[in-house]
């Protein structure tokens, strides 16, 4: 990626690469957040740890991300703890945390699995808007082809780690051969 063999990077180089260049949105945001820390503190941690922003800039950036993700009360939601947010709000906060370092690539690991259908659609719309607004590539991992149809521009179908099909949205079969 970006001309680098990321497998060959040292542990320190991989830590620098993750977050700055590649970020991850987990399947279960509830399990990914530290319950003892506020949402805002966790969203600000990446830019602060990587030296990308000072505290004031990181907090302002977090509010910008909360607004972009249509989180309620973006100015104060960062003061809440994970258990005080709904499942959909947690997924959006997880996306804010992933985008906090302005990565080039966002890896989304079935981020709507545990959500009801209405919330799934809302989160998918927000994620699509976010990656387009911030010019970030997204790698969406899912088993749900209906979800893929909502979010993907290009689709690659894998079976047992091997490519079965690859192409533009709308040019793949619902049942790959």
C-alpha atoms as a PDB file:
ATOM      1  CA  UNK A   1       0.000   0.000   0.000  1.00  0.00           C
ATOM      2  CA  UNK A   2       1.353   3.416  -0.958  1.00  0.00           C
ATOM      3  CA  UNK A   3       4.414   1.646  -2.346  1.00  0.00           C
ATOM      4  CA  UNK A   4       5.160  -0.145   0.938  1.00  0.00           C
ATOM      5  CA  UNK A   5       5.150  -3.830   1.715  1.00  0.00           C
ATOM      6  CA  UNK A   6       3.074  -3.550   4.893  1.00  0.00           C
ATOM      7  CA  UNK A   7       3.732  -7.181   5.839  1.00  0.00           C
ATOM      8  CA  UNK A   8       7.465  -6.423   6.104  1.00  0.00           C
ATOM      9  CA  UNK A   9       7.050  -3.394   8.403  1.00  0.00           C
ATOM     10  CA  UNK A  10       8.456  -3.511  11.923  1.00  0.00           C
ATOM     11  CA  UNK A  11       6.046  -3.487  14.883  1.00  0.00           C
ATOM     12  CA  UNK A  12       6.688   0.224  15.401  1.00  0.00           C
ATOM     13  CA  UNK A  13       6.128   0.998  11.705  1.00  0.00           C
ATOM     14  CA  UNK A  14       2.888  -1.030  11.728  1.00  0.00           C
ATOM     15  CA  UNK A  15       1.600   0.976  14.713  1.00  0.00           C
ATOM     16  CA  UNK A  16       2.383   4.193  12.823  1.00  0.00           C
ATOM     17  CA  UNK A  17       0.710   2.847   9.687  1.00  0.00           C
ATOM     18  CA  UNK A  18      -2.455   1.748  11.507  1.00  0.00           C
ATOM     19  CA  UNK A  19      -4.606   4.683  12.383  1.00  0.00           C
ATOM     20  CA  UNK A  20      -2.712   7.132  10.200  1.00  0.00           C
ATOM     21  CA  UNK A  21      -3.062   5.286   6.889  1.00  0.00           C
ATOM     22  CA  UNK A  22      -5.530   2.478   7.654  1.00  0.00           C
ATOM     23  CA  UNK A  23      -8.344   2.491  10.213  1.00  0.00           C
ATOM     24  CA  UNK A  24     -10.790  -0.193  11.310  1.00  0.00           C
ATOM     25  CA  UNK A  25     -14.479  -0.175  12.227  1.00  0.00           C
ATOM     26  CA  UNK A  26     -15.261  -3.294  14.246  1.00  0.00           C
ATOM     27  CA  UNK A  27     -18.322  -5.488  13.936  1.00  0.00           C
ATOM     28  CA  UNK A  28     -19.269  -4.787  17.546  1.00  0.00           C
ATOM     29  CA  UNK A  29     -18.669  -1.203  18.604  1.00  0.00           C
ATOM     30  CA  UNK A  30     -19.907  -2.013  22.112  1.00  0.00           C
ATOM     31  CA  UNK A  31     -17.048  -4.489  22.553  1.00  0.00           C
ATOM     32  CA  UNK A  32     -14.467  -2.212  20.902  1.00  0.00           C
ATOM     33  CA  UNK A  33     -14.957   0.831  23.145  1.00  0.00           C
ATOM     34  CA  UNK A  34     -13.384   1.074  26.595  1.00  0.00           C
ATOM     35  CA  UNK A  35     -16.368   1.361  28.971  1.00  0.00           C
ATOM     36  CA  UNK A  36     -14.330   3.406  31.476  1.00  0.00           C
ATOM     37  CA  UNK A  37     -13.501   6.223  29.033  1.00  0.00           C
ATOM     38  CA  UNK A  38     -15.781   8.783  27.407  1.00  0.00           C
ATOM     39  CA  UNK A  39     -16.506   8.553  23.701  1.00  0.00           C
ATOM     40  CA  UNK A  40     -14.757  11.890  23.117  1.00  0.00           C
ATOM     41  CA  UNK A  41     -11.577  10.782  24.874  1.00  0.00           C
ATOM     42  CA  UNK A  42     -11.444   7.653  22.740  1.00  0.00           C
ATOM     43  CA  UNK A  43     -12.075   9.531  19.480  1.00  0.00           C
ATOM     44  CA  UNK A  44      -9.324  12.044  20.341  1.00  0.00           C
ATOM     45  CA  UNK A  45      -6.795   9.376  21.360  1.00  0.00           C
ATOM     46  CA  UNK A  46      -5.581   8.540  17.823  1.00  0.00           C
ATOM     47  CA  UNK A  47      -4.734  12.061  16.636  1.00  0.00           C
ATOM     48  CA  UNK A  48      -3.089  12.818  19.982  1.00  0.00           C
ATOM     49  CA  UNK A  49      -1.082   9.586  20.087  1.00  0.00           C
ATOM     50  CA  UNK A  50       0.127  10.033  16.495  1.00  0.00           C
ATOM     51  CA  UNK A  51       0.996  13.691  17.122  1.00  0.00           C
ATOM     52  CA  UNK A  52      -1.371  14.878  14.398  1.00  0.00           C
ATOM     53  CA  UNK A  53      -3.225  17.400  16.578  1.00  0.00           C
ATOM     54  CA  UNK A  54      -3.119  19.022  19.971  1.00  0.00           C
ATOM     55  CA  UNK A  55      -5.935  18.466  22.499  1.00  0.00           C
ATOM     56  CA  UNK A  56      -8.006  21.461  21.384  1.00  0.00           C
ATOM     57  CA  UNK A  57      -7.709  20.565  17.688  1.00  0.00           C
ATOM     58  CA  UNK A  58      -8.554  16.909  18.372  1.00  0.00           C
ATOM     59  CA  UNK A  59     -11.670  17.871  20.333  1.00  0.00           C
ATOM     60  CA  UNK A  60     -12.827  20.248  17.586  1.00  0.00           C
ATOM     61  CA  UNK A  61     -12.177  17.550  14.972  1.00  0.00           C
ATOM     62  CA  UNK A  62     -14.192  15.027  17.030  1.00  0.00           C
ATOM     63  CA  UNK A  63     -17.160  17.427  17.058  1.00  0.00           C
ATOM     64  CA  UNK A  64     -16.804  17.857  13.274  1.00  0.00           C
ATOM     65  CA  UNK A  65     -16.897  14.074  12.845  1.00  0.00           C
ATOM     66  CA  UNK A  66     -19.871  13.721  15.207  1.00  0.00           C
ATOM     67  CA  UNK A  67     -21.723  16.302  13.098  1.00  0.00           C
ATOM     68  CA  UNK A  68     -20.764  14.575   9.832  1.00  0.00           C
ATOM     69  CA  UNK A  69     -22.132  11.317  11.242  1.00  0.00           C
ATOM     70  CA  UNK A  70     -25.379  12.928  12.418  1.00  0.00           C
ATOM     71  CA  UNK A  71     -24.800  12.033  16.056  1.00  0.00           C
ATOM     72  CA  UNK A  72     -27.195  13.846  18.398  1.00  0.00           C
ATOM     73  CA  UNK A  73     -25.818  16.776  20.385  1.00  0.00           C
ATOM     74  CA  UNK A  74     -22.395  16.656  18.680  1.00  0.00           C
ATOM     75  CA  UNK A  75     -20.974  19.314  21.011  1.00  0.00           C
ATOM     76  CA  UNK A  76     -21.624  17.188  24.127  1.00  0.00           C
ATOM     77  CA  UNK A  77     -21.965  13.554  23.024  1.00  0.00           C
ATOM     78  CA  UNK A  78     -18.220  13.110  23.505  1.00  0.00           C
ATOM     79  CA  UNK A  79     -18.752  13.484  27.263  1.00  0.00           C
ATOM     80  CA  UNK A  80     -20.883  10.336  27.353  1.00  0.00           C
ATOM     81  CA  UNK A  81     -19.710   6.798  28.051  1.00  0.00           C
ATOM     82  CA  UNK A  82     -20.304   3.922  25.625  1.00  0.00           C
ATOM     83  CA  UNK A  83     -23.179   2.441  27.646  1.00  0.00           C
ATOM     84  CA  UNK A  84     -25.052   5.751  27.306  1.00  0.00           C
ATOM     85  CA  UNK A  85     -25.324   5.467  23.495  1.00  0.00           C
ATOM     86  CA  UNK A  86     -27.631   3.294  21.383  1.00  0.00           C
ATOM     87  CA  UNK A  87     -26.212   0.606  19.080  1.00  0.00           C
ATOM     88  CA  UNK A  88     -26.483   2.838  16.018  1.00  0.00           C
ATOM     89  CA  UNK A  89     -24.898   5.772  17.848  1.00  0.00           C
ATOM     90  CA  UNK A  90     -22.033   3.522  18.978  1.00  0.00           C
ATOM     91  CA  UNK A  91     -21.392   2.402  15.386  1.00  0.00           C
ATOM     92  CA  UNK A  92     -21.296   6.036  14.280  1.00  0.00           C
ATOM     93  CA  UNK A  93     -18.969   6.914  17.155  1.00  0.00           C
ATOM     94  CA  UNK A  94     -16.761   3.971  16.105  1.00  0.00           C
ATOM     95  CA  UNK A  95     -16.662   5.425  12.585  1.00  0.00           C
ATOM     96  CA  UNK A  96     -15.689   8.809  14.065  1.00  0.00           C
ATOM     97  CA  UNK A  97     -12.886   7.143  16.011  1.00  0.00           C
ATOM     98  CA  UNK A  98     -11.678   5.345  12.876  1.00  0.00           C
ATOM     99  CA  UNK A  99     -11.748   8.574  10.835  1.00  0.00           C
ATOM    100  CA  UNK A 100     -10.089  10.657  13.552  1.00  0.00           C
ATOM    101  CA  UNK A 101      -6.611  10.342  12.005  1.00  0.00           C
ATOM    102  CA  UNK A 102      -7.923  10.989   8.482  1.00  0.00           C
ATOM    103  CA  UNK A 103      -6.871   7.570   7.126  1.00  0.00           C
ATOM    104  CA  UNK A 104      -6.492   6.745   3.448  1.00  0.00           C
ATOM    105  CA  UNK A 105      -8.350   3.438   3.871  1.00  0.00           C
ATOM    106  CA  UNK A 106     -11.229   2.559   6.170  1.00  0.00           C
ATOM    107  CA  UNK A 107     -11.773  -1.171   6.817  1.00  0.00           C
ATOM    108  CA  UNK A 108     -15.388  -1.878   7.794  1.00  0.00           C
ATOM    109  CA  UNK A 109     -15.903  -5.347   9.281  1.00  0.00           C
ATOM    110  CA  UNK A 110     -19.660  -5.976   9.068  1.00  0.00           C
ATOM    111  CA  UNK A 111     -20.407  -2.814  11.061  1.00  0.00           C
ATOM    112  CA  UNK A 112     -24.191  -3.173  10.769  1.00  0.00           C
ATOM    113  CA  UNK A 113     -24.549  -6.834  11.792  1.00  0.00           C
ATOM    114  CA  UNK A 114     -26.059  -6.271  15.252  1.00  0.00           C
ATOM    115  CA  UNK A 115     -28.348  -3.416  14.183  1.00  0.00           C
ATOM    116  CA  UNK A 116     -32.023  -3.409  13.208  1.00  0.00           C
ATOM    117  CA  UNK A 117     -32.807  -2.854   9.519  1.00  0.00           C
ATOM    118  CA  UNK A 118     -33.715   0.835   9.889  1.00  0.00           C
ATOM    119  CA  UNK A 119     -30.542   1.593  11.848  1.00  0.00           C
ATOM    120  CA  UNK A 120     -28.490  -0.458   9.361  1.00  0.00           C
ATOM    121  CA  UNK A 121     -29.675   1.761   6.516  1.00  0.00           C
ATOM    122  CA  UNK A 122     -28.968   4.940   8.503  1.00  0.00           C
ATOM    123  CA  UNK A 123     -25.439   3.770   9.360  1.00  0.00           C
ATOM    124  CA  UNK A 124     -24.736   2.701   5.757  1.00  0.00           C
ATOM    125  CA  UNK A 125     -25.875   6.084   4.425  1.00  0.00           C
ATOM    126  CA  UNK A 126     -23.659   7.871   6.966  1.00  0.00           C
ATOM    127  CA  UNK A 127     -20.634   5.682   6.171  1.00  0.00           C
ATOM    128  CA  UNK A 128     -21.019   6.237   2.437  1.00  0.00           C
ATOM    129  CA  UNK A 129     -21.354   9.987   2.994  1.00  0.00           C
ATOM    130  CA  UNK A 130     -18.327   9.998   5.301  1.00  0.00           C
ATOM    131  CA  UNK A 131     -15.940   8.178   2.955  1.00  0.00           C
ATOM    132  CA  UNK A 132     -16.984  10.381   0.039  1.00  0.00           C
ATOM    133  CA  UNK A 133     -16.798  13.622   2.024  1.00  0.00           C
ATOM    134  CA  UNK A 134     -13.311  12.835   3.332  1.00  0.00           C
ATOM    135  CA  UNK A 135     -12.076  11.114   0.136  1.00  0.00           C
ATOM    136  CA  UNK A 136     -11.294   7.870   1.924  1.00  0.00           C
ATOM    137  CA  UNK A 137     -11.279   4.430   0.334  1.00  0.00           C
ATOM    138  CA  UNK A 138     -13.441   1.869   2.113  1.00  0.00           C
ATOM    139  CA  UNK A 139     -12.998  -1.885   2.266  1.00  0.00           C
ATOM    140  CA  UNK A 140     -16.327  -3.313   3.399  1.00  0.00           C
ATOM    141  CA  UNK A 141     -16.269  -6.902   4.658  1.00  0.00           C
ATOM    142  CA  UNK A 142     -19.682  -8.593   4.713  1.00  0.00           C
ATOM    143  CA  UNK A 143     -21.666 -11.722   3.951  1.00  0.00           C
ATOM    144  CA  UNK A 144     -24.771  -9.667   3.135  1.00  0.00           C
ATOM    145  CA  UNK A 145     -25.026  -8.878  -0.587  1.00  0.00           C
ATOM    146  CA  UNK A 146     -28.007  -6.580   0.065  1.00  0.00           C
ATOM    147  CA  UNK A 147     -25.703  -4.407   2.175  1.00  0.00           C
ATOM    148  CA  UNK A 148     -23.074  -4.493  -0.564  1.00  0.00           C
ATOM    149  CA  UNK A 149     -25.637  -3.217  -3.058  1.00  0.00           C
ATOM    150  CA  UNK A 150     -26.225  -0.165  -0.847  1.00  0.00           C
ATOM    151  CA  UNK A 151     -22.627   0.887  -0.237  1.00  0.00           C
ATOM    152  CA  UNK A 152     -20.174  -0.521  -2.790  1.00  0.00           C
ATOM    153  CA  UNK A 153     -18.831   1.018  -5.986  1.00  0.00           C
ATOM    154  CA  UNK A 154     -16.738  -2.073  -6.774  1.00  0.00           C
ATOM    155  CA  UNK A 155     -17.322  -5.571  -5.463  1.00  0.00           C
ATOM    156  CA  UNK A 156     -15.034  -8.553  -5.011  1.00  0.00           C
ATOM    157  CA  UNK A 157     -16.563 -11.870  -4.018  1.00  0.00           C
ATOM    158  CA  UNK A 158     -14.236 -14.261  -2.211  1.00  0.00           C
ATOM    159  CA  UNK A 159     -14.678 -17.946  -1.450  1.00  0.00           C
ATOM    160  CA  UNK A 160     -12.200 -19.613   0.887  1.00  0.00           C
ATOM    161  CA  UNK A 161      -9.799 -16.717   0.399  1.00  0.00           C
ATOM    162  CA  UNK A 162      -9.832 -16.816  -3.405  1.00  0.00           C
ATOM    163  CA  UNK A 163     -11.431 -14.319  -5.765  1.00  0.00           C
ATOM    164  CA  UNK A 164     -14.599 -15.615  -7.420  1.00  0.00           C
ATOM    165  CA  UNK A 165     -15.827 -12.390  -9.043  1.00  0.00           C
ATOM    166  CA  UNK A 166     -14.763  -8.768  -9.204  1.00  0.00           C
ATOM    167  CA  UNK A 167     -16.361  -5.798 -10.887  1.00  0.00           C
ATOM    168  CA  UNK A 168     -18.314  -2.571 -10.773  1.00  0.00           C
ATOM    169  CA  UNK A 169     -21.446  -2.312  -8.653  1.00  0.00           C
ATOM    170  CA  UNK A 170     -24.362  -3.937 -10.464  1.00  0.00           C
ATOM    171  CA  UNK A 171     -22.162  -6.181 -12.591  1.00  0.00           C
ATOM    172  CA  UNK A 172     -21.915  -9.141 -10.264  1.00  0.00           C
ATOM    173  CA  UNK A 173     -24.345 -11.976  -9.760  1.00  0.00           C
ATOM    174  CA  UNK A 174     -26.297 -12.440  -6.551  1.00  0.00           C
ATOM    175  CA  UNK A 175     -25.146 -16.064  -6.558  1.00  0.00           C
ATOM    176  CA  UNK A 176     -21.490 -16.184  -7.643  1.00  0.00           C
ATOM    177  CA  UNK A 177     -20.428 -19.298  -9.530  1.00  0.00           C
END
